[in-house]
Amino acid sequence: MRISVIGLGYMGLPMAAVLARAGHEVVGVDINPKAVDAVNAGKCHFAEPGVPEIVAEAHKSGRLRAVAKPEAAEAFILSLPTPVDHTTHKADMSFVEAGAKAIAPVLKGGELVIMESTSPVGATEANVRDVIEKLRPDLVGMVAYVFCPERAIPGNTLHEMVHNDRLVGGLTEAATARGVELYKTFCKGAVIPTQARVAELVKLVENASRDAQIAFANELSLVCDQLGMDAWDVIALANRHPRVNIFNPGPGVGGHCIAVDPWFIIHAAPKVTPFMKAAREVNDSKPAFVAGKVRESVKRVRGSQGLRVSGSRVKVACLGLAYKPDVDYLRESPSIAVVEELAGDEGLELMIVEPHIESWDKPLTKLDKAIKEADVVVALTGHKVFKELPEGALAGKAVVDSCGVFRRRGDVSSTVSQEVQA
């Protein structure tokens, strides 16, 4: 088939390359000229294991190219962001609607239009079909609309995109059947037919469930902090029960799905989702808790003659901006929330370390320099390079470990609480 993938980001570009590898002719579309130029040079414009290689292969085969505006195709896949407004907690569907409007002029009737973007229930109808048919009333009943949520995670996108089970939910049975046929050309997992609204809700439920599990671990870490215990030890011992599987705590919740999707359910049914809302509030409050622990360590540094203070400002090394280990993905990262809160403290000199990106809104510091000069070291993301710091590198420093990356090190004194080792 000739397939157009709208959006060449972390999910769209791997999808385009996978489709090209399966033998389809793929035209990627993106408003970012850097993304278009990169694909047309056979390159990937972000870091993701295996993607640069498969993009290069797809480009070399002649089956993958990129353009700035949609062209006619047999199938269109919308892979666009659906962020949440952090004030109203409503989904921002403007990117999806912009994509639908962009493809409307090139539709001729008979096409398959698939939305992969995680969206509120009813979005395939309201934000794709209705948007297109308002612009093109001649296409009413002439296009097959399907929702097929991506089920992949940065750091392992290619494997999961191909091997995970996929839900294909059409607005009609005929649309579902066409979607199933397409996904079976590359998907090695089960391709499961359902209805669009069911598929939309299932995707949200998957991530809301994980959000609730993480919230339990994060709330437990607050309990352990008050009681003077190590949360990771408590969790490890509890998980020895054959029917208990508690997650480990962290500085909050990030990524393009888990921190966002529960709000789509909550907004759709606010009176019957107090548990999901509470989980969101627990996870959203965790960065402020971590920042508070950093401030406690800073006070101890200021009052201690045994720890070095550079001038009137305490140097704080913030290790990690990405939302999970060993990726460059920053979207909704709680690590960033911690850094931004601390950035307002005049008595601190922040040294921000993120080895997986080249630049950010604030200056970045190399890891060696930050560790050498820091009075307080804050672990925010469990990158492998942080775990591999040489023995003795943290000696004499206050350490705030929000993700357990420095546990059991000989140069970090015994844990005072699950968050602060000093």
Protein backbone atom coordinates (compact mmCIF):
# COMPACT_ATOMS: atom_id res chain seq x y z
CA MET A 1 0.00 0.00 0.00
CA ARG A 2 0.91 3.66 -0.26
CA ILE A 3 0.75 4.89 3.32
CA SER A 4 1.15 8.39 4.72
CA VAL A 5 2.29 8.75 8.34
CA ILE A 6 1.36 12.15 9.76
CA GLY A 7 3.87 13.08 12.47
CA LEU A 8 7.47 11.84 12.47
CA GLY A 9 8.14 11.89 16.20
CA TYR A 10 9.10 9.17 18.66
CA MET A 11 6.26 6.89 17.50
CA GLY A 12 5.50 8.12 14.00
CA LEU A 13 8.97 7.75 12.50
CA PRO A 14 9.56 4.19 13.81
CA MET A 15 6.08 3.29 12.53
CA ALA A 16 6.90 4.71 9.11
CA ALA A 17 10.16 2.78 8.96
CA VAL A 18 8.52 -0.47 10.12
CA LEU A 19 5.85 -0.11 7.43
CA ALA A 20 8.50 0.52 4.80
CA ARG A 21 10.41 -2.56 5.95
CA ALA A 22 7.18 -4.55 5.51
CA GLY A 23 7.12 -3.53 1.85
CA HIS A 24 4.78 -0.54 1.87
CA GLU A 25 5.54 2.75 0.13
CA VAL A 26 5.61 5.26 2.97
CA VAL A 27 5.47 9.04 2.86
CA GLY A 28 6.09 10.69 6.23
CA VAL A 29 4.67 14.14 6.90
CA ASP A 30 5.92 16.63 9.47
CA ILE A 31 5.79 20.40 9.89
CA ASN A 32 9.29 20.34 11.39
CA PRO A 33 11.73 20.86 8.50
CA LYS A 34 14.57 19.29 10.51
CA ALA A 35 12.59 16.05 10.77
CA VAL A 36 11.76 16.07 7.06
CA ASP A 37 15.36 16.80 6.06
CA ALA A 38 16.69 14.12 8.40
CA VAL A 39 14.42 11.40 7.00
CA ASN A 40 15.22 12.39 3.43
CA ALA A 41 18.89 12.00 4.33
CA GLY A 42 18.20 8.56 5.78
CA LYS A 43 18.68 9.73 9.34
CA CYS A 44 16.72 9.73 12.61
CA HIS A 45 16.37 13.09 14.35
CA PHE A 46 16.16 11.68 17.90
CA ALA A 47 17.85 8.97 19.95
CA GLU A 48 16.12 5.58 20.02
CA PRO A 49 17.85 2.17 19.83
CA GLY A 50 17.60 0.62 16.38
CA VAL A 51 15.61 3.43 14.78
CA PRO A 52 18.53 5.14 12.98
CA GLU A 53 19.40 1.82 11.35
CA ILE A 54 15.89 0.96 10.20
CA VAL A 55 15.30 4.51 8.92
CA ALA A 56 18.52 4.35 6.91
CA GLU A 57 17.51 0.96 5.53
CA ALA A 58 14.01 2.17 4.62
CA HIS A 59 15.34 5.29 2.94
CA LYS A 60 17.93 3.34 0.97
CA SER A 61 15.23 0.96 -0.27
CA GLY A 62 13.35 3.90 -1.76
CA ARG A 63 10.22 3.09 0.26
CA LEU A 64 10.50 5.93 2.80
CA ARG A 65 10.61 9.66 2.18
CA ALA A 66 9.29 12.72 3.96
CA VAL A 67 7.39 15.85 2.96
CA ALA A 68 5.98 18.93 4.70
CA LYS A 69 2.43 18.62 3.33
CA PRO A 70 0.26 15.50 2.91
CA GLU A 71 -0.01 13.76 -0.44
CA ALA A 72 -2.61 11.32 -1.71
CA ALA A 73 -2.31 7.80 -0.27
CA GLU A 74 -4.38 4.68 0.32
CA ALA A 75 -3.99 4.87 4.10
CA PHE A 76 -3.17 7.66 6.55
CA ILE A 77 -1.84 7.13 10.07
CA LEU A 78 -2.06 10.05 12.50
CA SER A 79 0.75 9.88 15.07
CA LEU A 80 0.43 13.26 16.75
CA PRO A 81 0.74 14.55 20.33
CA THR A 82 -2.31 14.83 22.58
CA PRO A 83 -1.05 16.78 25.60
CA VAL A 84 -3.19 17.69 28.59
CA ASP A 85 -3.82 21.24 29.76
CA HIS A 86 -2.33 21.23 33.26
CA THR A 87 -4.84 23.79 34.47
CA THR A 88 -8.08 22.27 33.18
CA HIS A 89 -6.77 18.69 32.77
CA LYS A 90 -8.54 18.55 29.40
CA ALA A 91 -6.97 16.92 26.36
CA ASP A 92 -5.52 19.27 23.79
CA MET A 93 -6.69 17.76 20.51
CA SER A 94 -5.47 20.64 18.35
CA PHE A 95 -2.57 18.65 16.88
CA VAL A 96 -4.82 15.76 15.87
CA GLU A 97 -7.41 18.11 14.41
CA ALA A 98 -4.69 19.95 12.51
CA GLY A 99 -3.57 16.62 11.06
CA ALA A 100 -7.12 15.72 10.07
CA LYS A 101 -7.56 19.11 8.38
CA ALA A 102 -4.25 18.69 6.58
CA ILE A 103 -5.18 15.36 4.97
CA ALA A 104 -8.78 16.31 4.12
CA PRO A 105 -7.93 18.07 0.82
CA VAL A 106 -6.04 15.06 -0.60
CA LEU A 107 -8.68 12.45 0.25
CA LYS A 108 -10.58 11.02 -2.73
CA GLY A 109 -12.80 8.48 -0.97
CA GLY A 110 -12.04 4.89 -0.10
CA GLU A 111 -9.01 5.65 2.09
CA LEU A 112 -8.24 4.14 5.47
CA VAL A 113 -7.60 6.79 8.14
CA ILE A 114 -6.04 5.52 11.37
CA MET A 115 -5.42 7.45 14.55
CA GLU A 116 -2.67 6.07 16.81
CA SER A 117 -2.50 9.08 19.15
CA THR A 118 -3.74 8.27 22.66
CA SER A 119 -7.00 10.19 22.96
CA PRO A 120 -10.19 10.61 24.98
CA VAL A 121 -13.07 8.28 24.28
CA GLY A 122 -14.92 9.43 21.17
CA ALA A 123 -11.96 11.28 19.65
CA THR A 124 -11.83 9.17 16.47
CA GLU A 125 -15.32 10.38 15.68
CA ALA A 126 -15.22 13.93 17.02
CA ASN A 127 -11.64 14.98 16.27
CA VAL A 128 -10.91 13.05 13.08
CA ARG A 129 -14.00 11.92 11.19
CA ASP A 130 -16.17 14.93 12.01
CA VAL A 131 -13.34 17.39 11.33
CA ILE A 132 -12.69 15.85 7.91
CA GLU A 133 -16.35 15.55 6.95
CA LYS A 134 -17.05 19.15 7.96
CA LEU A 135 -14.43 20.23 5.44
CA ARG A 136 -15.35 17.53 2.92
CA PRO A 137 -19.07 16.67 3.16
CA ASP A 138 -18.66 14.79 -0.12
CA LEU A 139 -16.66 12.16 1.81
CA VAL A 140 -19.41 11.23 4.31
CA GLY A 141 -19.50 7.44 4.45
CA MET A 142 -16.63 7.20 1.96
CA VAL A 143 -13.62 6.87 4.34
CA ALA A 144 -12.82 4.07 6.81
CA TYR A 145 -11.86 5.44 10.26
CA VAL A 146 -9.92 3.36 12.79
CA PHE A 147 -8.32 3.86 16.19
CA CYS A 148 -5.24 1.71 16.85
CA PRO A 149 -3.32 2.92 19.91
CA GLU A 150 0.43 2.61 19.92
CA ARG A 151 1.74 0.22 22.55
CA ALA A 152 5.43 1.01 22.73
CA ILE A 153 7.79 2.77 25.08
CA PRO A 154 10.86 4.93 24.38
CA GLY A 155 13.97 2.84 24.73
CA ASN A 156 12.31 -0.28 23.29
CA THR A 157 10.01 1.18 20.65
CA LEU A 158 10.92 -0.99 17.68
CA HIS A 159 10.53 -4.32 19.45
CA GLU A 160 7.27 -3.40 21.14
CA MET A 161 5.80 -1.81 18.01
CA VAL A 162 6.20 -5.10 16.16
CA HIS A 163 5.76 -7.72 18.89
CA ASN A 164 3.11 -6.30 21.23
CA ASP A 165 -0.55 -7.14 20.70
CA ARG A 166 -2.50 -4.40 18.93
CA LEU A 167 -6.11 -3.29 19.25
CA VAL A 168 -7.82 -2.20 16.04
CA GLY A 169 -11.09 -0.40 16.63
CA GLY A 170 -13.02 0.90 13.65
CA LEU A 171 -16.09 3.11 13.52
CA THR A 172 -17.57 0.35 11.35
CA GLU A 173 -16.92 -3.37 11.06
CA ALA A 174 -15.59 -2.87 7.53
CA ALA A 175 -13.13 -0.24 8.78
CA THR A 176 -11.96 -2.57 11.55
CA ALA A 177 -11.37 -5.38 9.05
CA ARG A 178 -9.26 -3.11 6.85
CA GLY A 179 -7.24 -1.93 9.82
CA VAL A 180 -6.60 -5.50 10.97
CA GLU A 181 -5.42 -6.42 7.47
CA LEU A 182 -2.90 -3.57 7.45
CA TYR A 183 -1.46 -4.21 10.91
CA LYS A 184 -1.05 -7.90 10.19
CA THR A 185 1.46 -7.00 7.48
CA PHE A 186 4.07 -6.15 10.13
CA CYS A 187 2.75 -6.97 13.60
CA LYS A 188 3.93 -10.26 15.12
CA GLY A 189 1.72 -9.88 18.18
CA ALA A 190 -2.00 -10.58 18.10
CA VAL A 191 -4.05 -8.07 16.12
CA ILE A 192 -7.36 -7.85 17.95
CA PRO A 193 -10.49 -6.35 16.36
CA THR A 194 -12.80 -4.22 18.49
CA GLN A 195 -14.75 -0.95 18.33
CA ALA A 196 -13.09 2.47 18.26
CA ARG A 197 -14.50 3.68 21.58
CA VAL A 198 -13.50 0.45 23.31
CA ALA A 199 -9.95 0.69 21.95
CA GLU A 200 -9.75 4.33 23.06
CA LEU A 201 -10.81 3.49 26.61
CA VAL A 202 -8.59 0.39 26.86
CA LYS A 203 -5.50 2.43 26.02
CA LEU A 204 -6.37 4.96 28.73
CA VAL A 205 -7.12 2.19 31.24
CA GLU A 206 -3.74 0.56 30.65
CA ASN A 207 -1.91 3.74 31.60
CA ALA A 208 -4.29 4.80 34.38
CA SER A 209 -3.72 1.40 36.00
CA ARG A 210 0.05 1.88 35.96
CA ASP A 211 -0.35 5.42 37.26
CA ALA A 212 -2.28 4.08 40.25
CA GLN A 213 0.39 1.47 40.96
CA ILE A 214 3.14 4.08 40.81
CA ALA A 215 1.10 6.37 43.07
CA PHE A 216 0.93 3.63 45.70
CA ALA A 217 4.73 3.28 45.62
CA ASN A 218 5.24 7.04 45.73
CA GLU A 219 2.83 7.45 48.63
CA LEU A 220 4.51 4.57 50.43
CA SER A 221 7.82 6.40 50.03
CA LEU A 222 6.31 9.35 51.93
CA VAL A 223 5.21 7.01 54.71
CA CYS A 224 8.68 5.49 54.91
CA ASP A 225 10.22 8.95 55.01
CA GLN A 226 8.10 9.89 58.03
CA LEU A 227 8.89 6.62 59.78
CA GLY A 228 12.62 6.77 59.02
CA MET A 229 12.69 3.64 56.85
CA ASP A 230 14.08 2.80 53.41
CA ALA A 231 11.17 2.47 50.99
CA TRP A 232 13.10 0.21 48.62
CA ASP A 233 13.88 -2.23 51.45
CA VAL A 234 10.24 -2.25 52.55
CA ILE A 235 9.03 -2.84 49.01
CA ALA A 236 11.59 -5.57 48.30
CA LEU A 237 10.53 -7.44 51.42
CA ALA A 238 6.81 -7.01 50.67
CA ASN A 239 7.35 -8.26 47.13
CA ARG A 240 8.57 -11.58 48.50
CA HIS A 241 4.89 -12.36 49.04
CA PRO A 242 3.79 -14.43 46.01
CA ARG A 243 0.82 -12.16 45.24
CA VAL A 244 2.43 -8.77 45.85
CA ASN A 245 4.23 -6.76 43.16
CA ILE A 246 4.78 -3.18 44.31
CA PHE A 247 6.60 -0.77 41.99
CA ASN A 248 9.61 1.23 43.15
CA PRO A 249 9.13 4.94 43.91
CA GLY A 250 10.61 7.84 41.99
CA PRO A 251 10.39 11.62 41.69
CA GLY A 252 6.93 11.40 40.12
CA VAL A 253 5.55 10.14 36.81
CA GLY A 254 6.52 11.21 33.31
CA GLY A 255 6.34 10.24 29.67
CA HIS A 256 3.80 10.88 26.98
CA CYS A 257 1.10 8.55 28.35
CA ILE A 258 1.02 7.68 32.05
CA ALA A 259 1.16 11.27 33.30
CA VAL A 260 -1.54 12.34 30.85
CA ASP A 261 -3.99 9.57 30.01
CA PRO A 262 -5.74 9.18 33.39
CA TRP A 263 -6.98 12.76 33.10
CA PHE A 264 -8.83 11.83 29.91
CA ILE A 265 -10.85 9.27 31.87
CA ILE A 266 -11.29 11.56 34.88
CA HIS A 267 -12.55 14.39 32.69
CA ALA A 268 -15.01 12.05 30.94
CA ALA A 269 -16.47 10.71 34.20
CA PRO A 270 -15.41 13.05 37.05
CA LYS A 271 -18.01 11.91 39.58
CA VAL A 272 -16.96 8.26 39.56
CA THR A 273 -13.15 8.53 39.36
CA PRO A 274 -11.96 9.77 42.77
CA PHE A 275 -9.35 7.01 43.00
CA MET A 276 -7.76 7.86 39.64
CA LYS A 277 -7.77 11.54 40.53
CA ALA A 278 -6.11 10.83 43.88
CA ALA A 279 -3.41 8.79 42.15
CA ARG A 280 -2.73 11.67 39.77
CA GLU A 281 -2.48 14.11 42.66
CA VAL A 282 -0.06 11.86 44.56
CA ASN A 283 2.23 11.53 41.56
CA ASP A 284 1.99 15.19 40.60
CA SER A 285 2.93 16.22 44.14
CA LYS A 286 6.06 14.08 44.33
CA PRO A 287 8.45 16.53 42.59
CA ALA A 288 7.67 19.15 45.25
CA PHE A 289 8.45 16.57 47.95
CA VAL A 290 11.80 15.77 46.35
CA ALA A 291 12.61 19.48 46.03
CA GLY A 292 11.81 19.85 49.72
CA LYS A 293 14.27 17.08 50.55
CA VAL A 294 16.93 18.86 48.54
CA ARG A 295 16.31 22.03 50.53
CA GLU A 296 16.65 20.07 53.77
CA SER A 297 20.03 18.77 52.60
CA VAL A 298 21.09 22.28 51.61
CA LYS A 299 20.31 23.50 55.13
CA ARG A 300 22.40 20.72 56.60
CA VAL A 301 25.25 21.61 54.25
CA ARG A 302 25.09 25.25 55.28
CA GLY A 303 25.13 24.32 58.97
CA SER A 304 27.87 21.71 58.75
CA GLN A 305 31.55 22.57 58.99
CA GLY A 306 32.40 19.16 57.56
CA LEU A 307 30.88 19.78 54.15
CA ARG A 308 32.29 22.21 51.59
CA VAL A 309 30.23 25.25 50.61
CA SER A 310 31.39 27.32 47.64
CA GLY A 311 30.92 30.96 48.56
CA SER A 312 27.42 31.91 49.64
CA ARG A 313 25.70 29.52 47.26
CA VAL A 314 25.38 25.78 47.67
CA LYS A 315 26.20 23.85 44.51
CA VAL A 316 23.57 21.23 43.67
CA ALA A 317 24.13 18.65 40.93
CA CYS A 318 20.79 17.53 39.44
CA LEU A 319 21.37 14.23 37.68
CA GLY A 320 18.89 13.48 34.92
CA LEU A 321 16.11 15.25 33.06
CA ALA A 322 14.64 12.33 31.10
CA TYR A 323 11.50 10.74 32.45
CA LYS A 324 13.07 7.24 32.54
CA PRO A 325 16.57 5.75 32.44
CA ASP A 326 18.75 5.81 29.33
CA VAL A 327 16.48 7.71 26.93
CA ASP A 328 16.45 11.32 25.75
CA TYR A 329 12.69 11.71 26.16
CA LEU A 330 11.79 14.68 28.38
CA ARG A 331 8.03 14.99 27.94
CA GLU A 332 6.15 15.40 31.25
CA SER A 333 9.33 14.43 33.13
CA PRO A 334 9.05 14.88 36.92
CA SER A 335 12.82 15.40 36.98
CA ILE A 336 12.29 18.64 35.09
CA ALA A 337 9.61 19.68 37.57
CA VAL A 338 12.11 19.23 40.42
CA VAL A 339 14.79 21.23 38.61
CA GLU A 340 12.40 24.04 37.74
CA GLU A 341 11.23 24.34 41.34
CA LEU A 342 14.80 24.46 42.65
CA ALA A 343 15.77 26.99 39.99
CA GLY A 344 13.82 29.61 41.91
CA ASP A 345 16.02 29.26 45.01
CA GLU A 346 18.52 32.13 45.04
CA GLY A 347 20.91 30.38 47.41
CA LEU A 348 21.51 27.46 45.04
CA GLU A 349 23.79 27.07 42.08
CA LEU A 350 22.29 24.27 39.97
CA MET A 351 24.44 22.08 37.76
CA ILE A 352 22.10 20.15 35.47
CA VAL A 353 23.34 16.88 33.99
CA GLU A 354 21.56 15.00 31.19
CA PRO A 355 23.98 12.90 29.14
CA HIS A 356 21.39 11.92 26.54
CA ILE A 357 20.75 15.39 25.12
CA GLU A 358 23.05 18.09 23.76
CA SER A 359 21.15 21.19 24.90
CA TRP A 360 18.19 22.30 27.00
CA ASP A 361 16.42 25.49 28.12
CA LYS A 362 19.03 25.93 30.87
CA PRO A 363 22.77 25.25 30.57
CA LEU A 364 23.89 21.67 30.99
CA THR A 365 26.96 20.53 32.92
CA LYS A 366 29.17 17.52 32.23
CA LEU A 367 28.80 14.74 34.79
CA ASP A 368 32.43 14.73 35.96
CA LYS A 369 32.45 18.47 36.61
CA ALA A 370 29.08 18.41 38.42
CA ILE A 371 30.09 15.56 40.72
CA LYS A 372 33.47 17.09 41.48
CA GLU A 373 32.08 20.52 42.42
CA ALA A 374 28.73 19.65 43.98
CA ASP A 375 27.90 20.04 47.64
CA VAL A 376 24.60 18.18 47.15
CA VAL A 377 24.01 15.48 44.53
CA VAL A 378 20.41 14.81 43.50
CA ALA A 379 19.59 11.63 41.56
CA LEU A 380 16.46 12.25 39.48
CA THR A 381 16.78 9.69 36.68
CA GLY A 382 18.41 6.28 37.00
CA HIS A 383 20.69 6.48 33.97
CA LYS A 384 23.28 3.73 33.73
CA VAL A 385 26.12 6.24 33.66
CA PHE A 386 25.08 7.52 37.09
CA LYS A 387 25.08 4.01 38.52
CA GLU A 388 28.61 3.52 37.19
CA LEU A 389 30.16 6.48 38.99
CA PRO A 390 33.47 5.32 40.50
CA GLU A 391 33.63 4.39 44.16
CA GLY A 392 34.45 7.42 46.25
CA ALA A 393 32.94 9.93 43.80
CA LEU A 394 30.17 10.83 46.27
CA ALA A 395 32.26 10.78 49.42
CA GLY A 396 31.67 13.79 51.67
CA LYS A 397 28.64 15.00 49.71
CA ALA A 398 25.01 15.18 50.71
CA VAL A 399 22.98 12.87 48.46
CA VAL A 400 19.28 13.08 47.68
CA ASP A 401 18.34 9.90 45.85
CA SER A 402 14.80 10.02 44.48
CA CYS A 403 15.09 6.93 42.29
CA GLY A 404 17.32 4.52 44.20
CA VAL A 405 20.27 4.83 41.84
CA PHE A 406 22.87 5.25 44.61
CA ARG A 407 21.65 2.63 47.04
CA ARG A 408 24.26 0.34 48.63
CA ARG A 409 27.22 2.49 47.59
CA GLY A 410 30.11 2.50 50.03
CA ASP A 411 30.76 6.22 49.59
CA VAL A 412 27.19 7.20 50.54
CA SER A 413 26.44 6.99 54.23
CA SER A 414 23.55 4.87 55.46
CA THR A 415 20.15 5.97 54.38
CA VAL A 416 18.48 8.38 56.74
CA SER A 417 15.25 8.10 54.76
CA GLN A 418 14.25 6.67 51.45
CA GLU A 419 14.85 10.00 49.74
CA VAL A 420 17.84 11.49 51.52
CA GLN A 421 21.18 9.86 52.12
CA ALA A 422 23.52 12.28 53.84
